[in-house]
Amino acid sequence: LQKEMTKFHSNVNVLDAFTQPEYQAWIGGSILASLPDFQTMLISKPDYTKQGIQVVHEKC
């Protein structure tokens, strides 16, 4: 994987894998929530009720 990543981004030096898989979802959620565009990805219940699954495809 390191070799494949280096093909696309030459500045990738270290590929780090988490040794505690039970925390990966929490870490991923934390990273996602810290993104500047996170608020635009949120789907409200009224939006989902009105648009259905299509709103998921539009926002995510």
PDB file of N, CA and C in Angstrom:
ATOM      1  N   LEU A   1       0.822  -1.188   0.000  1.00  0.00           N
ATOM      2  CA  LEU A   1       0.000   0.000   0.000  1.00  0.00           C
ATOM      3  C   LEU A   1       0.869   1.255   0.000  1.00  0.00           C
ATOM      4  N   GLN A   2       1.952   1.206   0.746  1.00  0.00           N
ATOM      5  CA  GLN A   2       2.868   2.352   0.784  1.00  0.00           C
ATOM      6  C   GLN A   2       3.378   2.669  -0.624  1.00  0.00           C
ATOM      7  N   LYS A   3       3.740   1.635  -1.371  1.00  0.00           N
ATOM      8  CA  LYS A   3       4.265   1.828  -2.727  1.00  0.00           C
ATOM      9  C   LYS A   3       3.197   2.444  -3.632  1.00  0.00           C
ATOM     10  N   GLU A   4       1.957   1.967  -3.522  1.00  0.00           N
ATOM     11  CA  GLU A   4       0.876   2.499  -4.343  1.00  0.00           C
ATOM     12  C   GLU A   4       0.579   3.954  -4.000  1.00  0.00           C
ATOM     13  N   MET A   5       0.599   4.287  -2.727  1.00  0.00           N
ATOM     14  CA  MET A   5       0.346   5.665  -2.308  1.00  0.00           C
ATOM     15  C   MET A   5       1.438   6.599  -2.814  1.00  0.00           C
ATOM     16  N   THR A   6       2.663   6.132  -2.824  1.00  0.00           N
ATOM     17  CA  THR A   6       3.789   6.949  -3.273  1.00  0.00           C
ATOM     18  C   THR A   6       3.670   7.267  -4.763  1.00  0.00           C
ATOM     19  N   LYS A   7       3.050   6.371  -5.544  1.00  0.00           N
ATOM     20  CA  LYS A   7       2.847   6.629  -6.967  1.00  0.00           C
ATOM     21  C   LYS A   7       2.009   7.886  -7.189  1.00  0.00           C
ATOM     22  N   PHE A   8       1.006   8.075  -6.342  1.00  0.00           N
ATOM     23  CA  PHE A   8       0.084   9.193  -6.508  1.00  0.00           C
ATOM     24  C   PHE A   8       0.544  10.455  -5.786  1.00  0.00           C
ATOM     25  N   HIS A   9       1.190  10.277  -4.663  1.00  0.00           N
ATOM     26  CA  HIS A   9       1.644  11.413  -3.862  1.00  0.00           C
ATOM     27  C   HIS A   9       3.067  11.136  -3.402  1.00  0.00           C
ATOM     28  N   SER A  10       4.018  11.734  -4.062  1.00  0.00           N
ATOM     29  CA  SER A  10       5.419  11.437  -3.771  1.00  0.00           C
ATOM     30  C   SER A  10       5.846  11.873  -2.378  1.00  0.00           C
ATOM     31  N   ASN A  11       5.087  12.765  -1.738  1.00  0.00           N
ATOM     32  CA  ASN A  11       5.481  13.224  -0.409  1.00  0.00           C
ATOM     33  C   ASN A  11       4.955  12.332   0.714  1.00  0.00           C
ATOM     34  N   VAL A  12       4.322  11.218   0.368  1.00  0.00           N
ATOM     35  CA  VAL A  12       3.851  10.283   1.390  1.00  0.00           C
ATOM     36  C   VAL A  12       5.030   9.430   1.828  1.00  0.00           C
ATOM     37  N   ASN A  13       5.448   9.599   3.059  1.00  0.00           N
ATOM     38  CA  ASN A  13       6.596   8.855   3.557  1.00  0.00           C
ATOM     39  C   ASN A  13       6.215   7.708   4.475  1.00  0.00           C
ATOM     40  N   VAL A  14       5.203   7.922   5.262  1.00  0.00           N
ATOM     41  CA  VAL A  14       4.848   6.916   6.260  1.00  0.00           C
ATOM     42  C   VAL A  14       3.358   6.633   6.169  1.00  0.00           C
ATOM     43  N   LEU A  15       3.033   5.372   6.126  1.00  0.00           N
ATOM     44  CA  LEU A  15       1.651   4.945   6.183  1.00  0.00           C
ATOM     45  C   LEU A  15       1.453   4.308   7.543  1.00  0.00           C
ATOM     46  N   ASP A  16       0.599   4.897   8.324  1.00  0.00           N
ATOM     47  CA  ASP A  16       0.427   4.446   9.697  1.00  0.00           C
ATOM     48  C   ASP A  16      -0.911   3.739   9.838  1.00  0.00           C
ATOM     49  N   ALA A  17      -0.895   2.554  10.391  1.00  0.00           N
ATOM     50  CA  ALA A  17      -2.124   1.815  10.655  1.00  0.00           C
ATOM     51  C   ALA A  17      -2.375   1.824  12.153  1.00  0.00           C
ATOM     52  N   PHE A  18      -3.618   2.014  12.515  1.00  0.00           N
ATOM     53  CA  PHE A  18      -3.951   2.018  13.932  1.00  0.00           C
ATOM     54  C   PHE A  18      -3.857   0.606  14.483  1.00  0.00           C
ATOM     55  N   THR A  19      -3.270   0.490  15.633  1.00  0.00           N
ATOM     56  CA  THR A  19      -3.103  -0.827  16.231  1.00  0.00           C
ATOM     57  C   THR A  19      -4.311  -1.225  17.060  1.00  0.00           C
ATOM     58  N   GLN A  20      -5.225  -0.296  17.291  1.00  0.00           N
ATOM     59  CA  GLN A  20      -6.420  -0.601  18.069  1.00  0.00           C
ATOM     60  C   GLN A  20      -7.658  -0.411  17.191  1.00  0.00           C
ATOM     61  N   PRO A  21      -8.050  -1.445  16.473  1.00  0.00           N
ATOM     62  CA  PRO A  21      -9.157  -1.310  15.525  1.00  0.00           C
ATOM     63  C   PRO A  21     -10.481  -0.921  16.176  1.00  0.00           C
ATOM     64  N   GLU A  22     -10.633  -1.183  17.462  1.00  0.00           N
ATOM     65  CA  GLU A  22     -11.894  -0.831  18.123  1.00  0.00           C
ATOM     66  C   GLU A  22     -12.111   0.682  18.197  1.00  0.00           C
ATOM     67  N   TYR A  23     -11.068   1.467  17.956  1.00  0.00           N
ATOM     68  CA  TYR A  23     -11.188   2.926  17.992  1.00  0.00           C
ATOM     69  C   TYR A  23     -11.233   3.560  16.607  1.00  0.00           C
ATOM     70  N   GLN A  24     -11.100   2.776  15.558  1.00  0.00           N
ATOM     71  CA  GLN A  24     -11.020   3.340  14.210  1.00  0.00           C
ATOM     72  C   GLN A  24     -12.273   4.110  13.819  1.00  0.00           C
ATOM     73  N   ALA A  25     -13.445   3.596  14.157  1.00  0.00           N
ATOM     74  CA  ALA A  25     -14.679   4.307  13.812  1.00  0.00           C
ATOM     75  C   ALA A  25     -14.754   5.643  14.539  1.00  0.00           C
ATOM     76  N   TRP A  26     -14.328   5.659  15.796  1.00  0.00           N
ATOM     77  CA  TRP A  26     -14.349   6.910  16.568  1.00  0.00           C
ATOM     78  C   TRP A  26     -13.362   7.922  15.991  1.00  0.00           C
ATOM     79  N   ILE A  27     -12.202   7.455  15.608  1.00  0.00           N
ATOM     80  CA  ILE A  27     -11.190   8.350  15.034  1.00  0.00           C
ATOM     81  C   ILE A  27     -11.675   8.883  13.686  1.00  0.00           C
ATOM     82  N   GLY A  28     -12.227   8.011  12.867  1.00  0.00           N
ATOM     83  CA  GLY A  28     -12.758   8.439  11.572  1.00  0.00           C
ATOM     84  C   GLY A  28     -13.884   9.447  11.730  1.00  0.00           C
ATOM     85  N   GLY A  29     -14.767   9.205  12.689  1.00  0.00           N
ATOM     86  CA  GLY A  29     -15.854  10.145  12.956  1.00  0.00           C
ATOM     87  C   GLY A  29     -15.336  11.486  13.420  1.00  0.00           C
ATOM     88  N   SER A  30     -14.299  11.453  14.234  1.00  0.00           N
ATOM     89  CA  SER A  30     -13.692  12.689  14.723  1.00  0.00           C
ATOM     90  C   SER A  30     -13.073  13.485  13.576  1.00  0.00           C
ATOM     91  N   ILE A  31     -12.398  12.787  12.682  1.00  0.00           N
ATOM     92  CA  ILE A  31     -11.796  13.455  11.520  1.00  0.00           C
ATOM     93  C   ILE A  31     -12.892  14.042  10.630  1.00  0.00           C
ATOM     94  N   LEU A  32     -13.929  13.258  10.372  1.00  0.00           N
ATOM     95  CA  LEU A  32     -15.033  13.731   9.534  1.00  0.00           C
ATOM     96  C   LEU A  32     -15.693  14.965  10.145  1.00  0.00           C
ATOM     97  N   ALA A  33     -15.952  14.928  11.443  1.00  0.00           N
ATOM     98  CA  ALA A  33     -16.611  16.054  12.112  1.00  0.00           C
ATOM     99  C   ALA A  33     -15.749  17.306  12.123  1.00  0.00           C
ATOM    100  N   SER A  34     -14.447  17.151  12.006  1.00  0.00           N
ATOM    101  CA  SER A  34     -13.565  18.318  12.036  1.00  0.00           C
ATOM    102  C   SER A  34     -13.368  18.953  10.652  1.00  0.00           C
ATOM    103  N   LEU A  35     -13.898  18.339   9.613  1.00  0.00           N
ATOM    104  CA  LEU A  35     -13.769  18.900   8.267  1.00  0.00           C
ATOM    105  C   LEU A  35     -14.587  20.181   8.138  1.00  0.00           C
ATOM    106  N   PRO A  36     -14.084  21.154   7.396  1.00  0.00           N
ATOM    107  CA  PRO A  36     -14.815  22.411   7.232  1.00  0.00           C
ATOM    108  C   PRO A  36     -16.196  22.230   6.589  1.00  0.00           C
ATOM    109  N   ASP A  37     -16.350  21.256   5.711  1.00  0.00           N
ATOM    110  CA  ASP A  37     -17.617  21.044   5.005  1.00  0.00           C
ATOM    111  C   ASP A  37     -18.568  20.098   5.722  1.00  0.00           C
ATOM    112  N   PHE A  38     -18.247  19.705   6.936  1.00  0.00           N
ATOM    113  CA  PHE A  38     -19.068  18.713   7.632  1.00  0.00           C
ATOM    114  C   PHE A  38     -20.521  19.156   7.763  1.00  0.00           C
ATOM    115  N   GLN A  39     -20.753  20.411   8.104  1.00  0.00           N
ATOM    116  CA  GLN A  39     -22.124  20.899   8.296  1.00  0.00           C
ATOM    117  C   GLN A  39     -22.962  20.752   7.026  1.00  0.00           C
ATOM    118  N   THR A  40     -22.341  20.866   5.867  1.00  0.00           N
ATOM    119  CA  THR A  40     -23.095  20.740   4.615  1.00  0.00           C
ATOM    120  C   THR A  40     -23.446  19.286   4.306  1.00  0.00           C
ATOM    121  N   MET A  41     -22.805  18.339   4.982  1.00  0.00           N
ATOM    122  CA  MET A  41     -23.078  16.924   4.758  1.00  0.00           C
ATOM    123  C   MET A  41     -24.238  16.411   5.610  1.00  0.00           C
ATOM    124  N   LEU A  42     -24.618  17.178   6.628  1.00  0.00           N
ATOM    125  CA  LEU A  42     -25.661  16.723   7.539  1.00  0.00           C
ATOM    126  C   LEU A  42     -27.009  16.672   6.833  1.00  0.00           C
ATOM    127  N   ILE A  43     -27.804  15.673   7.186  1.00  0.00           N
ATOM    128  CA  ILE A  43     -29.125  15.492   6.597  1.00  0.00           C
ATOM    129  C   ILE A  43     -30.141  15.555   7.724  1.00  0.00           C
ATOM    130  N   SER A  44     -31.069  16.489   7.613  1.00  0.00           N
ATOM    131  CA  SER A  44     -32.098  16.620   8.645  1.00  0.00           C
ATOM    132  C   SER A  44     -33.223  15.620   8.376  1.00  0.00           C
ATOM    133  N   LYS A  45     -33.974  15.317   9.403  1.00  0.00           N
ATOM    134  CA  LYS A  45     -35.097  14.403   9.248  1.00  0.00           C
ATOM    135  C   LYS A  45     -36.121  14.950   8.252  1.00  0.00           C
ATOM    136  N   PRO A  46     -36.468  16.254   8.317  1.00  0.00           N
ATOM    137  CA  PRO A  46     -37.404  16.772   7.302  1.00  0.00           C
ATOM    138  C   PRO A  46     -36.871  16.638   5.868  1.00  0.00           C
ATOM    139  N   ASP A  47     -35.573  16.871   5.671  1.00  0.00           N
ATOM    140  CA  ASP A  47     -34.990  16.707   4.332  1.00  0.00           C
ATOM    141  C   ASP A  47     -35.103  15.260   3.868  1.00  0.00           C
ATOM    142  N   TYR A  48     -34.795  14.320   4.770  1.00  0.00           N
ATOM    143  CA  TYR A  48     -34.860  12.904   4.397  1.00  0.00           C
ATOM    144  C   TYR A  48     -36.302  12.483   4.134  1.00  0.00           C
ATOM    145  N   THR A  49     -37.221  12.967   4.964  1.00  0.00           N
ATOM    146  CA  THR A  49     -38.633  12.628   4.778  1.00  0.00           C
ATOM    147  C   THR A  49     -39.140  13.154   3.438  1.00  0.00           C
ATOM    148  N   LYS A  50     -38.710  14.343   3.073  1.00  0.00           N
ATOM    149  CA  LYS A  50     -39.167  14.967   1.834  1.00  0.00           C
ATOM    150  C   LYS A  50     -38.508  14.356   0.596  1.00  0.00           C
ATOM    151  N   GLN A  51     -37.184  14.141   0.644  1.00  0.00           N
ATOM    152  CA  GLN A  51     -36.433  13.727  -0.546  1.00  0.00           C
ATOM    153  C   GLN A  51     -36.067  12.250  -0.572  1.00  0.00           C
ATOM    154  N   GLY A  52     -36.111  11.592   0.575  1.00  0.00           N
ATOM    155  CA  GLY A  52     -35.762  10.181   0.627  1.00  0.00           C
ATOM    156  C   GLY A  52     -34.270   9.948   0.430  1.00  0.00           C
ATOM    157  N   ILE A  53     -33.922   8.783  -0.072  1.00  0.00           N
ATOM    158  CA  ILE A  53     -32.523   8.380  -0.221  1.00  0.00           C
ATOM    159  C   ILE A  53     -31.752   9.306  -1.162  1.00  0.00           C
ATOM    160  N   GLN A  54     -32.449   9.992  -2.046  1.00  0.00           N
ATOM    161  CA  GLN A  54     -31.789  10.890  -3.001  1.00  0.00           C
ATOM    162  C   GLN A  54     -30.977  11.964  -2.290  1.00  0.00           C
ATOM    163  N   VAL A  55     -31.452  12.435  -1.133  1.00  0.00           N
ATOM    164  CA  VAL A  55     -30.731  13.476  -0.406  1.00  0.00           C
ATOM    165  C   VAL A  55     -29.360  12.976   0.057  1.00  0.00           C
ATOM    166  N   VAL A  56     -29.251  11.696   0.331  1.00  0.00           N
ATOM    167  CA  VAL A  56     -27.961  11.119   0.728  1.00  0.00           C
ATOM    168  C   VAL A  56     -26.986  11.198  -0.441  1.00  0.00           C
ATOM    169  N   HIS A  57     -27.450  10.863  -1.625  1.00  0.00           N
ATOM    170  CA  HIS A  57     -26.588  10.919  -2.810  1.00  0.00           C
ATOM    171  C   HIS A  57     -26.182  12.352  -3.148  1.00  0.00           C
ATOM    172  N   GLU A  58     -27.062  13.292  -2.891  1.00  0.00           N
ATOM    173  CA  GLU A  58     -26.758  14.692  -3.193  1.00  0.00           C
ATOM    174  C   GLU A  58     -25.763  15.291  -2.204  1.00  0.00           C
ATOM    175  N   LYS A  59     -25.900  14.959  -0.922  1.00  0.00           N
ATOM    176  CA  LYS A  59     -25.064  15.593   0.098  1.00  0.00           C
ATOM    177  C   LYS A  59     -23.767  14.846   0.376  1.00  0.00           C
ATOM    178  N   CYS A  60     -23.739  13.579   0.107  1.00  0.00           N
ATOM    179  CA  CYS A  60     -22.538  12.808   0.413  1.00  0.00           C
ATOM    180  C   CYS A  60     -21.940  12.345  -0.871  1.00  0.00           C
TER     181      CYS A  60
END
